[in-house]
């Protein structure tokens, strides 16, 4: 699919777009007070789920053990993937 869409392939080789998440074996009960939602509740409250311990985007840690880190987004809701060759990518990156 990456080749069809003209985006860099994801993978674990040098130069690949390393996007992945590491999940623990433990199951967590969803509690709205621990979620990041403005409304303060979740329709999933009380259900069991598995949450990632670490998320890597573009080879950089975006989330690790409850700590969010700034990552440069390449996917924007409603706009899709913005490649690094896109003239708007550099302008949009300036606000980060």
PDB file of N, CA and C in Angstrom:
ATOM      1  N   UNK A   1       0.804  -1.222   0.000  1.00  0.00           N
ATOM      2  CA  UNK A   1       0.000   0.000   0.000  1.00  0.00           C
ATOM      3  C   UNK A   1       0.841   1.278   0.000  1.00  0.00           C
ATOM      4  N   UNK A   2       1.992   1.283   0.678  1.00  0.00           N
ATOM      5  CA  UNK A   2       2.816   2.495   0.723  1.00  0.00           C
ATOM      6  C   UNK A   2       3.267   2.884  -0.683  1.00  0.00           C
ATOM      7  N   UNK A   3       3.670   1.913  -1.494  1.00  0.00           N
ATOM      8  CA  UNK A   3       4.121   2.204  -2.853  1.00  0.00           C
ATOM      9  C   UNK A   3       2.980   2.755  -3.701  1.00  0.00           C
ATOM     10  N   UNK A   4       1.788   2.218  -3.531  1.00  0.00           N
ATOM     11  CA  UNK A   4       0.619   2.690  -4.279  1.00  0.00           C
ATOM     12  C   UNK A   4       0.296   4.132  -3.911  1.00  0.00           C
ATOM     13  N   UNK A   5       0.413   4.469  -2.629  1.00  0.00           N
ATOM     14  CA  UNK A   5       0.094   5.817  -2.159  1.00  0.00           C
ATOM     15  C   UNK A   5       1.252   6.793  -2.313  1.00  0.00           C
ATOM     16  N   UNK A   6       2.423   6.275  -2.661  1.00  0.00           N
ATOM     17  CA  UNK A   6       3.583   7.141  -2.846  1.00  0.00           C
ATOM     18  C   UNK A   6       4.178   7.659  -1.551  1.00  0.00           C
ATOM     19  N   UNK A   7       4.051   6.886  -0.472  1.00  0.00           N
ATOM     20  CA  UNK A   7       4.623   7.294   0.811  1.00  0.00           C
ATOM     21  C   UNK A   7       5.768   6.351   1.168  1.00  0.00           C
ATOM     22  N   UNK A   8       6.705   6.785   1.988  1.00  0.00           N
ATOM     23  CA  UNK A   8       7.812   5.907   2.371  1.00  0.00           C
ATOM     24  C   UNK A   8       7.299   4.670   3.109  1.00  0.00           C
ATOM     25  N   UNK A   9       7.903   3.537   2.817  1.00  0.00           N
ATOM     26  CA  UNK A   9       7.461   2.308   3.478  1.00  0.00           C
ATOM     27  C   UNK A   9       7.878   2.323   4.945  1.00  0.00           C
ATOM     28  N   UNK A  10       7.103   1.664   5.762  1.00  0.00           N
ATOM     29  CA  UNK A  10       7.428   1.528   7.183  1.00  0.00           C
ATOM     30  C   UNK A  10       8.222   0.244   7.363  1.00  0.00           C
ATOM     31  N   UNK A  11       9.108   0.234   8.315  1.00  0.00           N
ATOM     32  CA  UNK A  11       9.884  -0.965   8.573  1.00  0.00           C
ATOM     33  C   UNK A  11      10.915  -0.724   9.653  1.00  0.00           C
ATOM     34  N   UNK A  12      11.833  -1.663   9.778  1.00  0.00           N
ATOM     35  CA  UNK A  12      12.836  -1.584  10.833  1.00  0.00           C
ATOM     36  C   UNK A  12      14.260  -1.518  10.282  1.00  0.00           C
ATOM     37  N   UNK A  13      14.402  -1.312   8.990  1.00  0.00           N
ATOM     38  CA  UNK A  13      15.720  -1.175   8.376  1.00  0.00           C
ATOM     39  C   UNK A  13      16.149   0.293   8.417  1.00  0.00           C
ATOM     40  N   UNK A  14      17.460   0.572   8.391  1.00  0.00           N
ATOM     41  CA  UNK A  14      17.914   1.969   8.367  1.00  0.00           C
ATOM     42  C   UNK A  14      17.284   2.728   7.199  1.00  0.00           C
ATOM     43  N   UNK A  15      16.744   3.891   7.489  1.00  0.00           N
ATOM     44  CA  UNK A  15      16.090   4.710   6.475  1.00  0.00           C
ATOM     45  C   UNK A  15      14.594   4.484   6.360  1.00  0.00           C
ATOM     46  N   UNK A  16      14.084   3.413   6.976  1.00  0.00           N
ATOM     47  CA  UNK A  16      12.641   3.152   6.955  1.00  0.00           C
ATOM     48  C   UNK A  16      11.916   4.115   7.876  1.00  0.00           C
ATOM     49  N   UNK A  17      10.633   4.316   7.619  1.00  0.00           N
ATOM     50  CA  UNK A  17       9.782   5.188   8.435  1.00  0.00           C
ATOM     51  C   UNK A  17       9.289   4.375   9.639  1.00  0.00           C
ATOM     52  N   UNK A  18      10.046   4.277  10.666  1.00  0.00           N
ATOM     53  CA  UNK A  18       9.734   3.426  11.816  1.00  0.00           C
ATOM     54  C   UNK A  18       8.543   3.974  12.603  1.00  0.00           C
ATOM     55  N   UNK A  19       7.348   3.455  12.321  1.00  0.00           N
ATOM     56  CA  UNK A  19       6.132   3.787  13.062  1.00  0.00           C
ATOM     57  C   UNK A  19       5.633   2.493  13.701  1.00  0.00           C
ATOM     58  N   UNK A  20       5.657   2.421  15.014  1.00  0.00           N
ATOM     59  CA  UNK A  20       5.180   1.208  15.675  1.00  0.00           C
ATOM     60  C   UNK A  20       4.822   1.499  17.121  1.00  0.00           C
ATOM     61  N   UNK A  21       4.161   0.551  17.742  1.00  0.00           N
ATOM     62  CA  UNK A  21       3.795   0.656  19.158  1.00  0.00           C
ATOM     63  C   UNK A  21       4.125  -0.665  19.841  1.00  0.00           C
ATOM     64  N   UNK A  22       4.530  -0.584  21.097  1.00  0.00           N
ATOM     65  CA  UNK A  22       4.815  -1.769  21.908  1.00  0.00           C
ATOM     66  C   UNK A  22       3.711  -1.907  22.949  1.00  0.00           C
ATOM     67  N   UNK A  23       3.098  -3.088  22.988  1.00  0.00           N
ATOM     68  CA  UNK A  23       1.984  -3.330  23.904  1.00  0.00           C
ATOM     69  C   UNK A  23       2.377  -4.350  24.965  1.00  0.00           C
ATOM     70  N   UNK A  24       1.964  -4.137  26.207  1.00  0.00           N
ATOM     71  CA  UNK A  24       2.258  -5.096  27.275  1.00  0.00           C
ATOM     72  C   UNK A  24       1.280  -6.270  27.215  1.00  0.00           C
ATOM     73  N   UNK A  25       1.554  -7.287  28.005  1.00  0.00           N
ATOM     74  CA  UNK A  25       0.653  -8.436  28.095  1.00  0.00           C
ATOM     75  C   UNK A  25      -0.507  -8.182  29.050  1.00  0.00           C
ATOM     76  N   UNK A  26      -0.460  -7.084  29.793  1.00  0.00           N
ATOM     77  CA  UNK A  26      -1.483  -6.830  30.809  1.00  0.00           C
ATOM     78  C   UNK A  26      -2.720  -6.136  30.232  1.00  0.00           C
ATOM     79  N   UNK A  27      -3.860  -6.477  30.790  1.00  0.00           N
ATOM     80  CA  UNK A  27      -5.140  -5.877  30.412  1.00  0.00           C
ATOM     81  C   UNK A  27      -5.493  -4.831  31.464  1.00  0.00           C
ATOM     82  N   UNK A  28      -5.989  -3.680  31.015  1.00  0.00           N
ATOM     83  CA  UNK A  28      -6.353  -2.583  31.904  1.00  0.00           C
ATOM     84  C   UNK A  28      -7.836  -2.281  31.759  1.00  0.00           C
ATOM     85  N   UNK A  29      -8.505  -2.061  32.865  1.00  0.00           N
ATOM     86  CA  UNK A  29      -9.906  -1.652  32.822  1.00  0.00           C
ATOM     87  C   UNK A  29      -9.959  -0.163  32.495  1.00  0.00           C
ATOM     88  N   UNK A  30     -10.776   0.217  31.503  1.00  0.00           N
ATOM     89  CA  UNK A  30     -10.873   1.614  31.081  1.00  0.00           C
ATOM     90  C   UNK A  30     -11.583   2.428  32.145  1.00  0.00           C
ATOM     91  N   UNK A  31     -10.923   3.511  32.557  1.00  0.00           N
ATOM     92  CA  UNK A  31     -11.444   4.437  33.560  1.00  0.00           C
ATOM     93  C   UNK A  31     -11.376   5.834  32.947  1.00  0.00           C
ATOM     94  N   UNK A  32     -12.512   6.479  32.778  1.00  0.00           N
ATOM     95  CA  UNK A  32     -12.574   7.783  32.109  1.00  0.00           C
ATOM     96  C   UNK A  32     -11.676   8.823  32.765  1.00  0.00           C
ATOM     97  N   UNK A  33     -11.445   8.711  34.049  1.00  0.00           N
ATOM     98  CA  UNK A  33     -10.613   9.703  34.737  1.00  0.00           C
ATOM     99  C   UNK A  33      -9.147   9.622  34.302  1.00  0.00           C
ATOM    100  N   UNK A  34      -8.755   8.513  33.667  1.00  0.00           N
ATOM    101  CA  UNK A  34      -7.374   8.355  33.214  1.00  0.00           C
ATOM    102  C   UNK A  34      -7.209   8.608  31.720  1.00  0.00           C
ATOM    103  N   UNK A  35      -8.314   8.920  31.036  1.00  0.00           N
ATOM    104  CA  UNK A  35      -8.259   9.164  29.599  1.00  0.00           C
ATOM    105  C   UNK A  35      -8.112  10.654  29.316  1.00  0.00           C
ATOM    106  N   UNK A  36      -7.665  10.976  28.125  1.00  0.00           N
ATOM    107  CA  UNK A  36      -7.491  12.374  27.719  1.00  0.00           C
ATOM    108  C   UNK A  36      -8.690  12.785  26.872  1.00  0.00           C
ATOM    109  N   UNK A  37      -9.788  13.112  27.540  1.00  0.00           N
ATOM    110  CA  UNK A  37     -11.003  13.539  26.848  1.00  0.00           C
ATOM    111  C   UNK A  37     -11.577  14.752  27.560  1.00  0.00           C
ATOM    112  N   UNK A  38     -12.057  15.703  26.795  1.00  0.00           N
ATOM    113  CA  UNK A  38     -12.594  16.924  27.384  1.00  0.00           C
ATOM    114  C   UNK A  38     -13.916  16.687  28.102  1.00  0.00           C
ATOM    115  N   UNK A  39     -14.671  15.689  27.663  1.00  0.00           N
ATOM    116  CA  UNK A  39     -16.007  15.494  28.227  1.00  0.00           C
ATOM    117  C   UNK A  39     -15.986  14.835  29.606  1.00  0.00           C
ATOM    118  N   UNK A  40     -14.900  14.156  29.975  1.00  0.00           N
ATOM    119  CA  UNK A  40     -14.807  13.552  31.297  1.00  0.00           C
ATOM    120  C   UNK A  40     -15.467  12.190  31.430  1.00  0.00           C
ATOM    121  N   UNK A  41     -15.931  11.616  30.321  1.00  0.00           N
ATOM    122  CA  UNK A  41     -16.520  10.281  30.366  1.00  0.00           C
ATOM    123  C   UNK A  41     -16.164   9.541  29.073  1.00  0.00           C
ATOM    124  N   UNK A  42     -16.397   8.252  29.058  1.00  0.00           N
ATOM    125  CA  UNK A  42     -16.125   7.453  27.870  1.00  0.00           C
ATOM    126  C   UNK A  42     -17.186   6.371  27.740  1.00  0.00           C
ATOM    127  N   UNK A  43     -17.686   6.110  26.539  1.00  0.00           N
ATOM    128  CA  UNK A  43     -18.634   5.010  26.359  1.00  0.00           C
ATOM    129  C   UNK A  43     -17.970   3.651  26.586  1.00  0.00           C
ATOM    130  N   UNK A  44     -16.649   3.634  26.657  1.00  0.00           N
ATOM    131  CA  UNK A  44     -15.906   2.393  26.853  1.00  0.00           C
ATOM    132  C   UNK A  44     -15.544   2.149  28.315  1.00  0.00           C
ATOM    133  N   UNK A  45     -15.957   3.025  29.201  1.00  0.00           N
ATOM    134  CA  UNK A  45     -15.630   2.896  30.618  1.00  0.00           C
ATOM    135  C   UNK A  45     -16.108   1.548  31.151  1.00  0.00           C
ATOM    136  N   UNK A  46     -15.226   0.893  31.891  1.00  0.00           N
ATOM    137  CA  UNK A  46     -15.539  -0.406  32.470  1.00  0.00           C
ATOM    138  C   UNK A  46     -15.128  -1.580  31.601  1.00  0.00           C
ATOM    139  N   UNK A  47     -14.811  -1.342  30.338  1.00  0.00           N
ATOM    140  CA  UNK A  47     -14.364  -2.417  29.458  1.00  0.00           C
ATOM    141  C   UNK A  47     -12.867  -2.641  29.630  1.00  0.00           C
ATOM    142  N   UNK A  48     -12.423  -3.835  29.299  1.00  0.00           N
ATOM    143  CA  UNK A  48     -11.003  -4.157  29.368  1.00  0.00           C
ATOM    144  C   UNK A  48     -10.331  -3.807  28.042  1.00  0.00           C
ATOM    145  N   UNK A  49      -9.094  -3.301  28.116  1.00  0.00           N
ATOM    146  CA  UNK A  49      -8.343  -2.921  26.920  1.00  0.00           C
ATOM    147  C   UNK A  49      -6.855  -3.081  27.179  1.00  0.00           C
ATOM    148  N   UNK A  50      -6.092  -3.037  26.109  1.00  0.00           N
ATOM    149  CA  UNK A  50      -4.637  -3.062  26.197  1.00  0.00           C
ATOM    150  C   UNK A  50      -4.135  -1.742  25.619  1.00  0.00           C
ATOM    151  N   UNK A  51      -3.386  -0.987  26.416  1.00  0.00           N
ATOM    152  CA  UNK A  51      -2.862   0.311  26.007  1.00  0.00           C
ATOM    153  C   UNK A  51      -1.367   0.193  25.730  1.00  0.00           C
ATOM    154  N   UNK A  52      -0.854   0.933  24.753  1.00  0.00           N
ATOM    155  CA  UNK A  52       0.577   0.840  24.446  1.00  0.00           C
ATOM    156  C   UNK A  52       1.444   1.398  25.569  1.00  0.00           C
ATOM    157  N   UNK A  53       2.604   0.776  25.747  1.00  0.00           N
ATOM    158  CA  UNK A  53       3.600   1.277  26.703  1.00  0.00           C
ATOM    159  C   UNK A  53       4.531   2.274  26.021  1.00  0.00           C
ATOM    160  N   UNK A  54       4.705   2.100  24.712  1.00  0.00           N
ATOM    161  CA  UNK A  54       5.587   2.993  23.962  1.00  0.00           C
ATOM    162  C   UNK A  54       5.077   3.113  22.528  1.00  0.00           C
ATOM    163  N   UNK A  55       5.139   4.334  21.977  1.00  0.00           N
ATOM    164  CA  UNK A  55       4.751   4.590  20.588  1.00  0.00           C
ATOM    165  C   UNK A  55       5.897   5.339  19.921  1.00  0.00           C
ATOM    166  N   UNK A  56       6.316   4.841  18.760  1.00  0.00           N
ATOM    167  CA  UNK A  56       7.388   5.463  17.994  1.00  0.00           C
ATOM    168  C   UNK A  56       6.804   5.916  16.659  1.00  0.00           C
ATOM    169  N   UNK A  57       7.008   7.201  16.326  1.00  0.00           N
ATOM    170  CA  UNK A  57       6.516   7.766  15.072  1.00  0.00           C
ATOM    171  C   UNK A  57       7.700   8.366  14.334  1.00  0.00           C
ATOM    172  N   UNK A  58       7.914   7.886  13.137  1.00  0.00           N
ATOM    173  CA  UNK A  58       9.042   8.395  12.353  1.00  0.00           C
ATOM    174  C   UNK A  58      10.382   8.143  13.005  1.00  0.00           C
ATOM    175  N   UNK A  59      10.482   7.070  13.768  1.00  0.00           N
ATOM    176  CA  UNK A  59      11.729   6.734  14.441  1.00  0.00           C
ATOM    177  C   UNK A  59      11.976   7.499  15.731  1.00  0.00           C
ATOM    178  N   UNK A  60      11.018   8.341  16.147  1.00  0.00           N
ATOM    179  CA  UNK A  60      11.168   9.116  17.383  1.00  0.00           C
ATOM    180  C   UNK A  60      10.072   8.732  18.367  1.00  0.00           C
ATOM    181  N   UNK A  61      10.449   8.632  19.643  1.00  0.00           N
ATOM    182  CA  UNK A  61       9.460   8.305  20.670  1.00  0.00           C
ATOM    183  C   UNK A  61       8.424   9.417  20.790  1.00  0.00           C
ATOM    184  N   UNK A  62       7.154   9.043  20.656  1.00  0.00           N
ATOM    185  CA  UNK A  62       6.065  10.004  20.826  1.00  0.00           C
ATOM    186  C   UNK A  62       5.386   9.799  22.174  1.00  0.00           C
ATOM    187  N   UNK A  63       5.487   8.577  22.714  1.00  0.00           N
ATOM    188  CA  UNK A  63       4.860   8.258  23.994  1.00  0.00           C
ATOM    189  C   UNK A  63       5.651   7.128  24.626  1.00  0.00           C
ATOM    190  N   UNK A  64       5.943   7.267  25.916  1.00  0.00           N
ATOM    191  CA  UNK A  64       6.641   6.202  26.632  1.00  0.00           C
ATOM    192  C   UNK A  64       6.240   6.239  28.097  1.00  0.00           C
ATOM    193  N   UNK A  65       5.653   5.145  28.568  1.00  0.00           N
ATOM    194  CA  UNK A  65       5.306   4.967  29.982  1.00  0.00           C
ATOM    195  C   UNK A  65       4.558   6.164  30.573  1.00  0.00           C
ATOM    196  N   UNK A  66       3.546   6.641  29.888  1.00  0.00           N
ATOM    197  CA  UNK A  66       2.726   7.726  30.408  1.00  0.00           C
ATOM    198  C   UNK A  66       3.232   9.115  30.100  1.00  0.00           C
ATOM    199  N   UNK A  67       4.363   9.222  29.409  1.00  0.00           N
ATOM    200  CA  UNK A  67       4.954  10.524  29.100  1.00  0.00           C
ATOM    201  C   UNK A  67       4.836  10.803  27.603  1.00  0.00           C
ATOM    202  N   UNK A  68       4.094  11.868  27.249  1.00  0.00           N
ATOM    203  CA  UNK A  68       3.968  12.271  25.848  1.00  0.00           C
ATOM    204  C   UNK A  68       5.147  13.146  25.468  1.00  0.00           C
ATOM    205  N   UNK A  69       5.649  12.925  24.277  1.00  0.00           N
ATOM    206  CA  UNK A  69       6.753  13.732  23.758  1.00  0.00           C
ATOM    207  C   UNK A  69       6.325  14.308  22.418  1.00  0.00           C
ATOM    208  N   UNK A  70       6.866  15.448  22.074  1.00  0.00           N
ATOM    209  CA  UNK A  70       6.506  16.080  20.807  1.00  0.00           C
ATOM    210  C   UNK A  70       7.055  15.259  19.650  1.00  0.00           C
ATOM    211  N   UNK A  71       6.192  14.955  18.714  1.00  0.00           N
ATOM    212  CA  UNK A  71       6.599  14.230  17.512  1.00  0.00           C
ATOM    213  C   UNK A  71       6.097  15.010  16.307  1.00  0.00           C
ATOM    214  N   UNK A  72       6.821  14.941  15.241  1.00  0.00           N
ATOM    215  CA  UNK A  72       6.426  15.652  14.031  1.00  0.00           C
ATOM    216  C   UNK A  72       5.400  14.812  13.289  1.00  0.00           C
ATOM    217  N   UNK A  73       4.192  15.305  13.195  1.00  0.00           N
ATOM    218  CA  UNK A  73       3.121  14.559  12.539  1.00  0.00           C
ATOM    219  C   UNK A  73       3.316  14.547  11.029  1.00  0.00           C
ATOM    220  N   UNK A  74       3.047  13.404  10.421  1.00  0.00           N
ATOM    221  CA  UNK A  74       3.062  13.291   8.969  1.00  0.00           C
ATOM    222  C   UNK A  74       1.657  12.975   8.475  1.00  0.00           C
ATOM    223  N   UNK A  75       0.756  12.684   9.389  1.00  0.00           N
ATOM    224  CA  UNK A  75      -0.630  12.372   9.052  1.00  0.00           C
ATOM    225  C   UNK A  75      -1.517  13.376   9.759  1.00  0.00           C
ATOM    226  N   UNK A  76      -2.357  14.042   9.016  1.00  0.00           N
ATOM    227  CA  UNK A  76      -3.252  15.042   9.574  1.00  0.00           C
ATOM    228  C   UNK A  76      -4.688  14.647   9.284  1.00  0.00           C
ATOM    229  N   UNK A  77      -5.560  14.544  10.297  1.00  0.00           N
ATOM    230  CA  UNK A  77      -6.953  14.172  10.062  1.00  0.00           C
ATOM    231  C   UNK A  77      -7.596  15.094   9.028  1.00  0.00           C
ATOM    232  N   UNK A  78      -8.260  14.490   8.065  1.00  0.00           N
ATOM    233  CA  UNK A  78      -8.939  15.250   7.027  1.00  0.00           C
ATOM    234  C   UNK A  78      -8.042  15.693   5.892  1.00  0.00           C
ATOM    235  N   UNK A  79      -6.721  15.585   6.083  1.00  0.00           N
ATOM    236  CA  UNK A  79      -5.783  15.996   5.037  1.00  0.00           C
ATOM    237  C   UNK A  79      -4.971  14.821   4.511  1.00  0.00           C
ATOM    238  N   UNK A  80      -4.871  13.769   5.299  1.00  0.00           N
ATOM    239  CA  UNK A  80      -4.095  12.615   4.888  1.00  0.00           C
ATOM    240  C   UNK A  80      -2.621  12.779   5.172  1.00  0.00           C
ATOM    241  N   UNK A  81      -1.829  12.028   4.455  1.00  0.00           N
ATOM    242  CA  UNK A  81      -0.384  12.005   4.657  1.00  0.00           C
ATOM    243  C   UNK A  81       0.260  13.165   3.917  1.00  0.00           C
ATOM    244  N   UNK A  82       1.111  13.912   4.580  1.00  0.00           N
ATOM    245  CA  UNK A  82       1.874  14.979   3.940  1.00  0.00           C
ATOM    246  C   UNK A  82       3.317  14.514   3.825  1.00  0.00           C
ATOM    247  N   UNK A  83       3.756  14.279   2.600  1.00  0.00           N
ATOM    248  CA  UNK A  83       5.116  13.786   2.410  1.00  0.00           C
ATOM    249  C   UNK A  83       6.125  14.883   2.709  1.00  0.00           C
ATOM    250  N   UNK A  84       7.347  14.490   2.941  1.00  0.00           N
ATOM    251  CA  UNK A  84       8.396  15.453   3.251  1.00  0.00           C
ATOM    252  C   UNK A  84       8.744  16.309   2.031  1.00  0.00           C
ATOM    253  N   UNK A  85       8.357  15.863   0.848  1.00  0.00           N
ATOM    254  CA  UNK A  85       8.606  16.639  -0.361  1.00  0.00           C
ATOM    255  C   UNK A  85       7.502  17.670  -0.596  1.00  0.00           C
ATOM    256  N   UNK A  86       6.412  17.583   0.138  1.00  0.00           N
ATOM    257  CA  UNK A  86       5.278  18.487  -0.032  1.00  0.00           C
ATOM    258  C   UNK A  86       5.678  19.902   0.380  1.00  0.00           C
ATOM    259  N   UNK A  87       5.395  20.875  -0.470  1.00  0.00           N
ATOM    260  CA  UNK A  87       5.797  22.252  -0.178  1.00  0.00           C
ATOM    261  C   UNK A  87       5.114  22.796   1.068  1.00  0.00           C
ATOM    262  N   UNK A  88       3.957  22.242   1.439  1.00  0.00           N
ATOM    263  CA  UNK A  88       3.239  22.715   2.618  1.00  0.00           C
ATOM    264  C   UNK A  88       3.771  22.090   3.905  1.00  0.00           C
ATOM    265  N   UNK A  89       4.478  20.980   3.785  1.00  0.00           N
ATOM    266  CA  UNK A  89       4.987  20.278   4.963  1.00  0.00           C
ATOM    267  C   UNK A  89       5.931  21.171   5.762  1.00  0.00           C
ATOM    268  N   UNK A  90       6.871  21.810   5.100  1.00  0.00           N
ATOM    269  CA  UNK A  90       7.852  22.652   5.791  1.00  0.00           C
ATOM    270  C   UNK A  90       7.183  23.843   6.458  1.00  0.00           C
ATOM    271  N   UNK A  91       6.215  24.442   5.787  1.00  0.00           N
ATOM    272  CA  UNK A  91       5.511  25.592   6.366  1.00  0.00           C
ATOM    273  C   UNK A  91       4.711  25.164   7.585  1.00  0.00           C
ATOM    274  N   UNK A  92       4.077  23.982   7.497  1.00  0.00           N
ATOM    275  CA  UNK A  92       3.265  23.509   8.609  1.00  0.00           C
ATOM    276  C   UNK A  92       4.142  23.104   9.785  1.00  0.00           C
ATOM    277  N   UNK A  93       5.338  22.614   9.515  1.00  0.00           N
ATOM    278  CA  UNK A  93       6.256  22.150  10.550  1.00  0.00           C
ATOM    279  C   UNK A  93       6.788  23.311  11.390  1.00  0.00           C
ATOM    280  N   UNK A  94       6.732  24.515  10.859  1.00  0.00           N
ATOM    281  CA  UNK A  94       7.299  25.673  11.544  1.00  0.00           C
ATOM    282  C   UNK A  94       6.638  25.941  12.893  1.00  0.00           C
ATOM    283  N   UNK A  95       5.369  25.575  13.048  1.00  0.00           N
ATOM    284  CA  UNK A  95       4.681  25.850  14.312  1.00  0.00           C
ATOM    285  C   UNK A  95       5.018  24.850  15.407  1.00  0.00           C
ATOM    286  N   UNK A  96       5.719  23.763  15.077  1.00  0.00           N
ATOM    287  CA  UNK A  96       6.024  22.734  16.083  1.00  0.00           C
ATOM    288  C   UNK A  96       7.142  23.142  16.978  1.00  0.00           C
TER     289      UNK A  96
END
